[in-house]
Protein backbone atom coordinates (compact mmCIF):
# COMPACT_ATOMS: atom_id res chain seq x y z
CA MET A 1 124.01 14.31 10.48
CA THR A 2 124.17 11.85 13.41
CA ASN A 3 122.01 8.80 13.15
CA ARG A 4 120.83 8.64 16.74
CA ILE A 5 117.60 7.84 18.39
CA ALA A 6 116.10 10.49 20.68
CA VAL A 7 115.93 9.61 24.37
CA ASN A 8 112.26 8.98 25.16
CA THR A 9 110.64 8.39 28.52
CA VAL A 10 108.84 5.04 28.53
CA ASP A 11 105.09 5.73 28.36
CA ILE A 12 102.65 2.92 29.22
CA SER A 13 100.00 5.21 30.66
CA ASN A 14 97.35 3.65 28.38
CA LEU A 15 97.99 0.12 29.67
CA ALA A 16 94.61 -0.16 31.42
CA VAL A 17 92.79 0.71 28.17
CA CYS A 18 94.77 -1.96 26.29
CA ILE A 19 94.02 -4.53 29.01
CA GLU A 20 90.30 -3.76 28.71
CA ASP A 21 90.66 -4.13 24.91
CA VAL A 22 92.02 -7.68 25.49
CA ARG A 23 89.35 -8.50 28.05
CA ARG A 24 86.53 -7.56 25.70
CA ALA A 25 88.14 -9.44 22.84
CA VAL A 26 88.59 -12.62 24.87
CA LEU A 27 84.92 -12.52 25.89
CA THR A 28 83.71 -12.15 22.29
CA PRO A 29 82.15 -15.49 21.21
CA LEU A 30 83.76 -15.74 17.78
CA GLN A 31 84.54 -19.30 16.65
CA SER A 32 86.67 -20.26 13.66
CA PRO A 33 85.10 -22.66 11.14
CA GLU A 34 85.81 -26.29 11.90
CA PRO A 35 87.30 -28.40 9.08
CA PRO A 36 85.03 -31.22 7.93
CA THR A 37 85.42 -34.50 9.76
CA ASP A 38 84.15 -36.41 6.72
CA PHE A 39 87.21 -37.75 4.94
CA HIS A 40 85.91 -37.32 1.39
CA GLU A 41 84.61 -33.80 1.96
CA LEU A 42 87.91 -32.73 3.54
CA ARG A 43 89.99 -34.38 0.82
CA GLY A 44 87.94 -32.63 -1.86
CA ARG A 45 88.25 -29.18 -0.32
CA LEU A 46 91.98 -29.62 0.13
CA GLU A 47 92.35 -30.69 -3.47
CA ALA A 48 90.44 -27.58 -4.61
CA VAL A 49 92.76 -25.16 -2.82
CA LYS A 50 96.13 -26.91 -3.06
CA ASP A 51 97.38 -24.69 -5.88
CA LYS A 52 96.33 -21.46 -4.12
CA LEU A 53 99.18 -21.68 -1.64
CA PRO A 54 102.66 -20.62 -2.74
CA LYS A 55 105.07 -23.16 -4.18
CA LEU A 56 107.08 -23.26 -0.96
CA TYR A 57 104.12 -24.54 1.04
CA GLN A 58 102.75 -26.75 -1.71
CA GLU A 59 106.01 -28.75 -1.51
CA THR A 60 106.53 -28.67 2.30
CA ALA A 61 102.97 -28.82 3.65
CA VAL A 62 100.07 -29.35 1.23
CA LYS A 63 101.38 -32.22 -0.90
CA PRO A 64 102.91 -34.15 2.05
CA PHE A 65 99.67 -33.80 4.01
CA LEU A 66 97.55 -34.98 1.05
CA ARG A 67 99.81 -37.97 0.61
CA LYS A 68 99.54 -38.81 4.29
CA LEU A 69 95.71 -38.57 4.14
CA ASP A 70 95.67 -40.85 1.12
CA GLU A 71 97.90 -43.30 2.98
CA LEU A 72 95.54 -43.26 5.96
CA GLY A 73 92.40 -43.56 3.86
CA PRO A 74 88.89 -43.05 5.29
CA ARG A 75 89.34 -45.85 7.83
CA GLY A 76 92.64 -44.52 9.26
CA PHE A 77 91.26 -40.97 9.29
CA VAL A 78 88.21 -41.97 11.33
CA ASP A 79 90.38 -44.12 13.64
CA ILE A 80 92.47 -41.04 14.54
CA LEU A 81 89.28 -39.08 15.33
CA ILE A 82 87.92 -41.93 17.48
CA ARG A 83 91.17 -42.29 19.42
CA ASP A 84 91.22 -38.58 20.29
CA PRO A 85 87.58 -37.68 21.08
CA GLU A 86 88.52 -34.58 23.10
CA ARG A 87 90.63 -33.26 20.17
CA ASN A 88 93.73 -32.73 22.28
CA SER A 89 96.29 -34.84 20.45
CA ASN A 90 96.66 -36.38 16.97
CA ALA A 91 93.13 -35.55 15.86
CA ARG A 92 93.52 -31.90 16.82
CA LEU A 93 96.87 -31.76 15.06
CA MET A 94 95.45 -33.35 11.90
CA LEU A 95 92.46 -31.00 11.82
CA ASP A 96 94.63 -27.97 12.59
CA ILE A 97 96.91 -28.76 9.63
CA ALA A 98 93.86 -29.07 7.44
CA GLN A 99 92.43 -25.86 8.80
CA ALA A 100 95.64 -23.93 8.15
CA ILE A 101 95.63 -25.01 4.52
CA LEU A 102 91.91 -24.37 4.07
CA GLN A 103 91.95 -20.93 5.69
CA HIS A 104 94.71 -19.77 3.36
CA GLY A 105 93.14 -21.40 0.30
CA GLU A 106 89.55 -20.39 0.94
CA GLY A 107 90.28 -16.84 2.10
CA TYR A 108 89.21 -16.90 5.76
CA PHE A 109 89.88 -13.40 7.23
CA PRO A 110 92.20 -12.76 4.25
CA LEU A 111 93.61 -9.39 5.37
CA ALA A 112 94.40 -10.47 8.94
CA THR A 113 95.54 -13.92 7.89
CA ASP A 114 98.13 -12.44 5.52
CA ALA A 115 99.23 -10.03 8.27
CA PHE A 116 99.53 -12.91 10.75
CA GLN A 117 101.48 -14.96 8.23
CA GLU A 118 103.86 -12.04 7.58
CA VAL A 119 104.70 -11.78 11.26
CA VAL A 120 105.51 -15.48 11.42
CA SER A 121 107.52 -15.44 8.20
CA ASP A 122 109.56 -12.41 9.21
CA LEU A 123 110.24 -13.79 12.70
CA TYR A 124 111.60 -16.98 11.19
CA ASP A 125 113.63 -14.98 8.68
CA GLY A 126 115.10 -12.80 11.40
CA PHE A 127 116.30 -15.78 13.38
CA LEU A 128 117.22 -18.27 10.69
CA SER A 129 118.60 -16.26 7.74
CA ALA A 130 122.21 -16.79 6.89
CA ALA A 131 123.04 -13.17 7.84
CA ASP A 132 121.94 -13.81 11.44
CA ARG A 133 123.33 -17.30 11.95
CA VAL A 134 126.93 -16.74 10.88
CA GLY A 135 128.89 -19.73 12.15
CA VAL A 136 125.77 -21.60 13.25
CA LYS A 137 124.40 -24.52 11.24
CA PRO A 138 120.79 -24.47 10.06
CA PRO A 139 118.24 -26.10 12.37
CA ASP A 140 118.09 -29.86 12.36
CA LEU A 141 114.35 -30.24 11.69
CA SER A 142 113.00 -27.23 9.82
CA VAL A 143 113.86 -23.90 8.26
CA ILE A 144 110.41 -23.25 6.75
CA PRO A 145 108.25 -20.57 8.44
CA ALA A 146 105.17 -21.93 10.11
CA LEU A 147 101.77 -21.79 8.56
CA VAL A 148 99.20 -19.78 10.53
CA LYS A 149 95.56 -20.39 11.34
CA TRP A 150 92.77 -19.02 13.47
CA GLY A 151 91.78 -21.59 16.12
CA SER A 152 89.56 -22.27 19.10
CA PRO A 153 89.24 -19.23 21.42
CA GLU A 154 89.48 -21.30 24.59
CA SER A 155 92.96 -22.54 23.60
CA GLY A 156 94.49 -19.05 23.27
CA PRO A 157 97.68 -18.68 21.21
CA TYR A 158 99.47 -21.98 20.61
CA THR A 159 101.82 -23.75 18.23
CA TRP A 160 102.45 -27.24 16.91
CA PRO A 161 106.22 -27.33 16.49
CA VAL A 162 107.73 -29.15 13.52
CA ASP A 163 108.61 -32.23 15.56
CA ALA A 164 104.82 -32.61 16.04
CA THR A 165 103.67 -31.75 12.48
CA SER A 166 106.31 -34.12 11.05
CA VAL A 167 104.00 -36.96 12.15
CA PHE A 168 101.93 -35.93 9.14
CA ASP A 169 105.12 -35.42 7.04
CA LEU A 170 105.05 -31.61 7.12
CA GLN A 171 108.27 -29.60 7.15
CA ALA A 172 106.67 -26.58 8.77
CA ALA A 173 105.04 -25.83 12.15
CA ILE A 174 101.48 -24.54 12.69
CA VAL A 175 100.78 -21.42 14.75
CA SER A 176 97.29 -20.50 15.96
CA LEU A 177 95.58 -17.41 17.40
CA PRO A 178 91.96 -17.10 18.55
CA PRO A 179 89.90 -15.68 15.67
CA ILE A 180 88.84 -12.54 17.55
CA HIS A 181 92.44 -11.38 17.37
CA ALA A 182 92.03 -10.99 13.63
CA ASN A 183 90.00 -7.89 14.58
CA ALA A 184 90.94 -6.78 18.09
CA GLY A 185 93.33 -7.20 21.00
CA VAL A 186 96.63 -5.60 19.96
CA LEU A 187 98.37 -7.01 23.05
CA SER A 188 97.69 -10.54 21.85
CA TRP A 189 100.14 -10.18 18.93
CA PRO A 190 103.28 -9.94 21.06
CA SER A 191 102.57 -13.57 21.94
CA LEU A 192 103.67 -14.51 18.40
CA PRO A 193 107.40 -14.07 18.97
CA HIS A 194 106.95 -16.42 21.96
CA GLU A 195 105.25 -19.03 19.82
CA VAL A 196 107.35 -18.65 16.69
CA CYS A 197 110.84 -17.69 17.84
CA GLY A 198 110.27 -19.64 21.02
CA HIS A 199 108.64 -23.07 20.67
CA ASP A 200 109.15 -23.53 16.97
CA ILE A 201 112.81 -22.54 16.99
CA LEU A 202 113.62 -24.43 20.19
CA HIS A 203 112.11 -27.65 18.81
CA ALA A 204 113.93 -27.33 15.51
CA ASP A 205 117.44 -27.74 16.97
CA ILE A 206 117.97 -31.21 18.42
CA GLY A 207 119.31 -31.04 21.94
CA LEU A 208 118.80 -27.29 22.43
CA LEU A 209 115.96 -27.56 24.98
CA GLU A 210 117.76 -30.22 26.97
CA GLU A 211 120.96 -28.19 27.10
CA LEU A 212 119.09 -25.05 28.18
CA SER A 213 117.24 -26.92 30.87
CA GLN A 214 120.42 -28.38 32.33
CA THR A 215 122.27 -25.10 32.14
CA VAL A 216 119.49 -23.23 33.89
CA TRP A 217 119.33 -25.85 36.62
CA ASN A 218 123.09 -25.70 37.12
CA GLU A 219 123.18 -21.93 37.42
CA LEU A 220 120.23 -21.72 39.84
CA ASN A 221 121.63 -24.54 41.93
CA ARG A 222 125.04 -22.80 42.00
CA ALA A 223 123.35 -19.60 43.19
CA ASN A 224 121.60 -21.57 45.97
CA VAL A 225 118.25 -19.84 45.39
CA GLY A 226 116.39 -22.66 47.15
CA HIS A 227 112.58 -23.11 47.21
CA ASN A 228 112.94 -25.93 44.61
CA LEU A 229 113.35 -23.15 42.05
CA PRO A 230 116.10 -24.92 40.00
CA ASP A 231 113.75 -27.86 39.33
CA TYR A 232 110.76 -25.56 38.81
CA TRP A 233 112.38 -23.44 36.11
CA ALA A 234 114.26 -26.32 34.42
CA SER A 235 111.09 -28.38 34.06
CA ARG A 236 109.39 -25.43 32.36
CA ILE A 237 112.24 -24.58 30.05
CA ASP A 238 110.14 -24.72 26.85
CA GLU A 239 107.81 -21.91 27.93
CA THR A 240 110.55 -20.07 29.83
CA ALA A 241 113.04 -19.96 26.94
CA SER A 242 110.22 -19.05 24.55
CA ASP A 243 109.48 -15.93 26.58
CA VAL A 244 113.14 -14.91 26.42
CA LEU A 245 113.37 -15.57 22.71
CA GLY A 246 110.29 -13.43 22.22
CA VAL A 247 112.05 -10.50 23.91
CA LEU A 248 115.23 -11.06 21.85
CA ASN A 249 113.17 -10.86 18.66
CA ALA A 250 110.63 -8.11 19.51
CA GLY A 251 112.26 -6.09 22.25
CA PRO A 252 110.51 -4.68 25.31
CA ALA A 253 107.12 -4.84 23.58
CA ALA A 254 107.21 -8.62 23.88
CA ALA A 255 107.66 -8.43 27.67
CA ILE A 256 105.21 -5.60 28.52
CA GLY A 257 102.77 -6.98 25.92
CA LEU A 258 102.58 -10.33 27.64
CA VAL A 259 102.02 -8.63 31.04
CA GLY A 260 99.08 -6.75 29.59
CA TYR A 261 97.76 -9.77 27.70
CA PHE A 262 97.83 -12.02 30.78
CA ARG A 263 96.03 -9.33 32.82
CA GLY A 264 93.39 -9.03 30.09
CA MET A 265 92.83 -12.79 29.91
CA ASN A 266 92.71 -13.10 33.72
CA ALA A 267 90.21 -10.24 33.85
CA ALA A 268 88.01 -12.12 31.34
CA PHE A 269 88.21 -15.48 33.09
CA THR A 270 88.45 -14.49 36.80
CA GLY A 271 87.31 -10.87 36.93
CA LYS A 272 90.73 -9.75 38.25
CA ALA A 273 93.16 -7.98 35.88
CA ALA A 274 96.32 -9.13 37.64
CA LEU A 275 99.20 -11.53 37.10
CA ARG A 276 98.65 -14.83 38.90
CA ASN A 277 101.03 -15.68 41.76
CA ILE A 278 100.15 -19.37 41.80
CA GLY A 279 102.08 -21.92 39.73
CA PRO A 280 100.26 -25.31 39.73
CA THR A 281 102.26 -28.51 39.42
CA ASP A 282 100.56 -29.51 36.16
CA ASP A 283 101.05 -26.13 34.43
CA PRO A 284 103.98 -26.22 32.01
CA HIS A 285 104.23 -22.40 32.21
CA PRO A 286 105.95 -20.55 35.04
CA ALA A 287 103.54 -18.53 37.18
CA ASP A 288 102.46 -15.25 35.58
CA ILE A 289 104.34 -13.16 38.16
CA LEU A 290 107.59 -15.03 37.39
CA ARG A 291 107.07 -14.47 33.64
CA GLY A 292 106.66 -10.76 34.33
CA TYR A 293 110.00 -10.70 36.18
CA LEU A 294 111.64 -12.88 33.52
CA GLY A 295 110.53 -10.53 30.74
CA ALA A 296 111.76 -7.50 32.64
CA TYR A 297 115.23 -8.92 33.28
CA ALA A 298 115.54 -10.22 29.70
CA THR A 299 114.65 -6.74 28.46
CA GLY A 300 117.33 -5.23 30.70
CA LEU A 301 119.97 -7.41 29.02
CA LEU A 302 119.13 -6.23 25.49
CA GLU A 303 121.62 -4.07 23.60
CA PHE A 304 119.65 -0.88 23.17
CA SER A 305 120.23 2.24 25.25
CA GLY A 306 116.77 2.24 26.89
CA ALA A 307 116.98 -1.32 28.14
CA GLN A 308 117.45 -0.45 31.82
CA GLU A 309 114.59 2.04 31.83
CA TRP A 310 112.26 -0.56 30.29
CA GLN A 311 113.45 -3.14 32.85
CA ARG A 312 112.56 -0.77 35.65
CA VAL A 313 109.09 -0.09 34.24
CA ILE A 314 108.23 -3.76 33.65
CA LEU A 315 109.54 -4.82 37.09
CA ALA A 316 107.38 -2.11 38.65
CA GLU A 317 104.33 -3.40 36.76
CA ALA A 318 104.96 -6.98 37.91
CA ASP A 319 105.43 -5.81 41.48
CA LYS A 320 101.99 -4.20 41.43
CA ASP A 321 100.49 -7.72 41.23
CA LEU A 322 102.87 -9.35 43.77
CA ALA A 323 101.04 -11.21 46.51
CA SER A 324 102.03 -14.54 48.04
CA ILE A 325 103.92 -16.60 45.51
CA ARG A 326 103.14 -20.30 45.65
CA LEU A 327 104.73 -22.72 43.21
CA GLU A 328 103.81 -26.42 43.12
CA ASN A 329 102.15 -26.00 46.53
CA ARG A 330 105.29 -24.41 48.06
CA ALA A 331 105.48 -20.86 49.38
CA VAL A 332 108.31 -18.98 47.67
CA ASP A 333 110.03 -15.83 48.93
CA ALA A 334 109.51 -12.91 46.53
CA ASN A 335 113.18 -11.87 46.58
CA ALA A 336 114.24 -15.42 45.71
CA ALA A 337 111.67 -15.52 42.94
CA ARG A 338 112.95 -12.28 41.42
CA GLU A 339 116.57 -13.34 41.72
CA SER A 340 115.85 -16.68 40.07
CA ALA A 341 114.15 -14.95 37.17
CA ARG A 342 117.17 -12.68 36.71
CA ILE A 343 119.54 -15.66 36.65
CA VAL A 344 117.32 -17.59 34.23
CA ALA A 345 117.07 -14.65 31.83
CA GLU A 346 120.85 -14.13 31.79
CA THR A 347 121.59 -17.84 31.47
CA ILE A 348 119.25 -18.38 28.52
CA MET A 349 120.39 -15.24 26.69
CA LYS A 350 124.15 -15.30 27.32
CA THR A 351 125.26 -18.93 27.59
CA LYS A 352 127.25 -20.16 24.60
CA LEU A 353 125.51 -23.42 23.74
CA ARG A 354 127.05 -26.54 22.27
CA SER A 355 123.89 -27.24 20.26
CA LEU A 356 124.37 -23.85 18.57
CA GLU A 357 128.09 -24.24 17.83
CA HIS A 358 129.04 -22.44 21.05
CA THR A 359 126.95 -19.40 20.14
CA SER A 360 124.57 -17.68 22.52
CA LEU A 361 120.99 -16.89 21.62
CA SER A 362 121.64 -13.19 22.11
CA GLN A 363 124.42 -13.35 19.53
CA ILE A 364 122.00 -14.69 16.91
CA GLN A 365 119.27 -12.13 17.64
CA ASN A 366 119.04 -9.00 19.78
CA TRP A 367 117.28 -5.66 20.03
CA ARG A 368 119.44 -2.63 19.42
CA ASP A 369 119.10 1.15 19.07
CA ARG A 370 118.59 0.68 15.33
CA ASP A 371 115.48 -1.42 16.10
CA GLU A 372 114.23 1.30 18.41
CA GLN A 373 114.75 3.92 15.68
CA ILE A 374 112.69 1.92 13.23
CA THR A 375 109.98 1.26 15.81
CA LEU A 376 109.78 4.98 16.66
CA ALA A 377 109.40 5.91 13.00
CA LEU A 378 106.70 3.29 12.43
CA ARG A 379 104.66 4.50 15.35
CA SER A 380 103.79 7.70 13.50
CA LEU A 381 102.14 5.59 10.79
CA LEU A 382 99.86 3.84 13.31
CA GLN A 383 98.31 6.87 14.99
CA THR A 384 95.55 8.00 12.66
CA THR A 385 93.11 6.71 10.04
CA GLY A 386 92.48 8.20 6.65
CA THR A 387 96.12 8.65 5.66
CA PRO A 388 97.29 6.01 3.15
CA LEU A 389 100.29 4.02 4.26
CA PRO A 390 103.17 4.87 1.85
CA THR A 391 104.45 1.99 -0.25
CA LEU A 392 108.05 2.71 0.71
CA TYR A 393 107.26 1.22 4.11
CA ARG A 394 106.75 -2.23 2.67
CA ASP A 395 110.39 -3.16 3.16
CA GLY A 396 113.50 -2.06 5.04
CA PHE A 397 112.30 -3.49 8.37
CA TYR A 398 110.84 -6.62 9.95
CA ALA A 399 107.32 -7.43 11.09
CA ALA A 400 108.68 -7.52 14.66
CA HIS A 401 109.25 -3.79 14.32
CA VAL A 402 105.62 -3.31 13.33
CA ILE A 403 104.40 -5.36 16.32
CA ALA A 404 106.73 -3.43 18.65
CA ALA A 405 105.51 -0.12 17.20
CA ALA A 406 101.87 -1.11 17.55
CA VAL A 407 102.28 -2.21 21.19
CA THR A 408 104.31 0.79 22.33
CA GLU A 409 102.01 3.20 20.47
CA ALA A 410 98.85 1.59 21.87
CA LEU A 411 100.29 1.81 25.39
CA SER A 412 101.11 5.50 25.10
CA LYS A 413 98.92 8.27 26.44
CA ASN A 414 95.50 8.80 24.74
CA ALA A 415 96.19 6.20 22.02
CA ASN A 416 93.27 4.29 20.46
CA PRO A 417 94.11 0.57 20.44
CA GLU A 418 91.47 -0.16 17.79
CA ILE A 419 92.98 2.32 15.32
CA VAL A 420 96.47 1.14 16.05
CA PHE A 421 95.41 -2.47 15.53
CA GLN A 422 93.82 -1.84 12.12
CA ARG A 423 96.82 0.19 10.91
CA MET A 424 99.14 -2.55 12.12
CA VAL A 425 97.26 -5.20 10.16
CA THR A 426 97.17 -3.03 7.02
CA LEU A 427 100.91 -2.40 7.17
CA LEU A 428 101.68 -6.08 7.71
CA LYS A 429 99.44 -6.98 4.78
CA MET A 430 101.43 -4.61 2.53
CA MET A 431 104.63 -6.30 3.62
CA HIS A 432 103.13 -9.72 2.97
CA ASP A 433 102.18 -8.73 -0.59
CA ALA A 434 105.87 -7.99 -1.26
CA ASN A 435 107.17 -11.13 0.43
CA PRO A 436 108.90 -13.40 -2.13
CA SER A 437 108.19 -16.49 -0.02
CA TRP A 438 104.56 -16.09 -1.04
CA GLY A 439 105.31 -15.75 -4.75
CA PRO A 440 106.08 -18.33 -7.44
CA LEU A 441 109.65 -19.00 -6.26
CA ILE A 442 110.71 -21.26 -3.39
CA VAL A 443 112.29 -18.73 -0.99
CA PRO A 444 112.47 -20.03 2.60
CA HIS A 445 114.25 -16.91 3.92
CA PRO A 446 113.82 -13.59 2.04
CA GLY A 447 116.56 -12.11 4.26
CA ASP A 448 119.10 -14.22 2.34
CA ILE A 449 118.28 -12.27 -0.83
CA PHE A 450 120.32 -9.07 -0.59
CA ARG A 451 122.98 -7.30 -2.61
CA HIS A 452 126.48 -6.96 -1.20
CA PHE A 453 127.59 -3.42 -2.05
CA ALA A 454 131.24 -2.44 -2.35
CA TYR A 455 130.41 1.24 -1.81
CA ILE A 456 127.39 3.14 -0.40
CA PRO A 457 126.94 6.61 -1.90
CA VAL A 458 126.48 9.41 0.61
CA ILE A 459 123.03 10.19 -0.75
CA GLU A 460 121.86 6.64 0.04
CA ALA A 461 123.16 6.87 3.59
CA GLN A 462 121.32 10.16 4.08
CA LYS A 463 118.11 8.65 2.74
CA ASP A 464 118.49 5.83 5.22
CA VAL A 465 118.78 8.27 8.10
CA GLN A 466 115.85 10.37 6.95
CA LEU A 467 113.67 7.28 6.70
CA TYR A 468 114.06 6.20 10.29
CA VAL A 469 114.89 9.27 12.36
């Protein structure tokens, strides 16, 4: 029996329905609870829940944060709030850390929170486990998966990398999604690989961002793309590389998912479901249209057999929104913009980096036919309600496969995004319940816990094929 994935035509015929699902979700006025700004009330609530988080996070997040609060005292706590009245800097960070701990401890959206946490934990595990980083040292700043929270809707998805949270002595980052995405908006979840395997990973290795920025600038300058594109991309390397890392960890779903998510958000805020062609000077992100091209070319460089077909489809989607590209008040030729995105994707994925022991990002993580097989099998579990999810699907794959399955299934003809979303969350929750990192042991990377077999019986190999084909 040959373990091969069937050749499937890419089907995103339900994209408009998924975009409308995002638009409605973004316009839903659901706010997350704010943590108390009274020092004593906050300190008391944190004390009450500190033992409800697993040992791993008690030692790396809860206890360090409590010690920092005690060091600050009521006067220092209030001073931080006064110095950041708009809640954009240290005060927001402090309250977000508190909120992450409280939401886990007090059971805010417990099903979706556990599902959200499982995605983050598995993404970290897939990029940082010893099996994936052979010959590459652990990150300099953190190897602990981020804690998740539901945050302000107007902020969208965001992360506080570990170099930020370390101000409060944490050894883990904080990742936030708008609270409505606990219940709706399946295309919002592909943003998680961008936040987790992007920002958090990039900030954990000292010198990685700087090296990527310089390498991208060098390659674009060598290609003579013009239009100030070398400086434009290099100055936005954090967001740019995060998009590419999202694709490396979640496959084409990360790229097409972001296209749909951006269209849905733009439809909510501007009334037009299209990628923006304008890149303001003060925006740290590349213009939407460039991110669409970047995701397409990054997908085309992946190691699965359908990569080129997916690249074609995503490029075609981006081209539908192409108008007059204007970056930092400069008109940019569309062909130059596309070519620059192709060069940037290849440079970020393929360059062997000194800061990673002369290893490329695509060598650490990639999307292969095996990942497509798993995703295809999982899609059948996300199609209907009423059928219990079998317990055998709690392991044997990563949460990225579940996200990829949910996105590609929701995008397919006649799919119901709401049903797919709820099944996705339920499956991720089942995985979370079996995750040893959330048990009594300190297990930063469950992927490091595996048996090394000397011999695999034929019956086991057959079972493996039957599970995923």
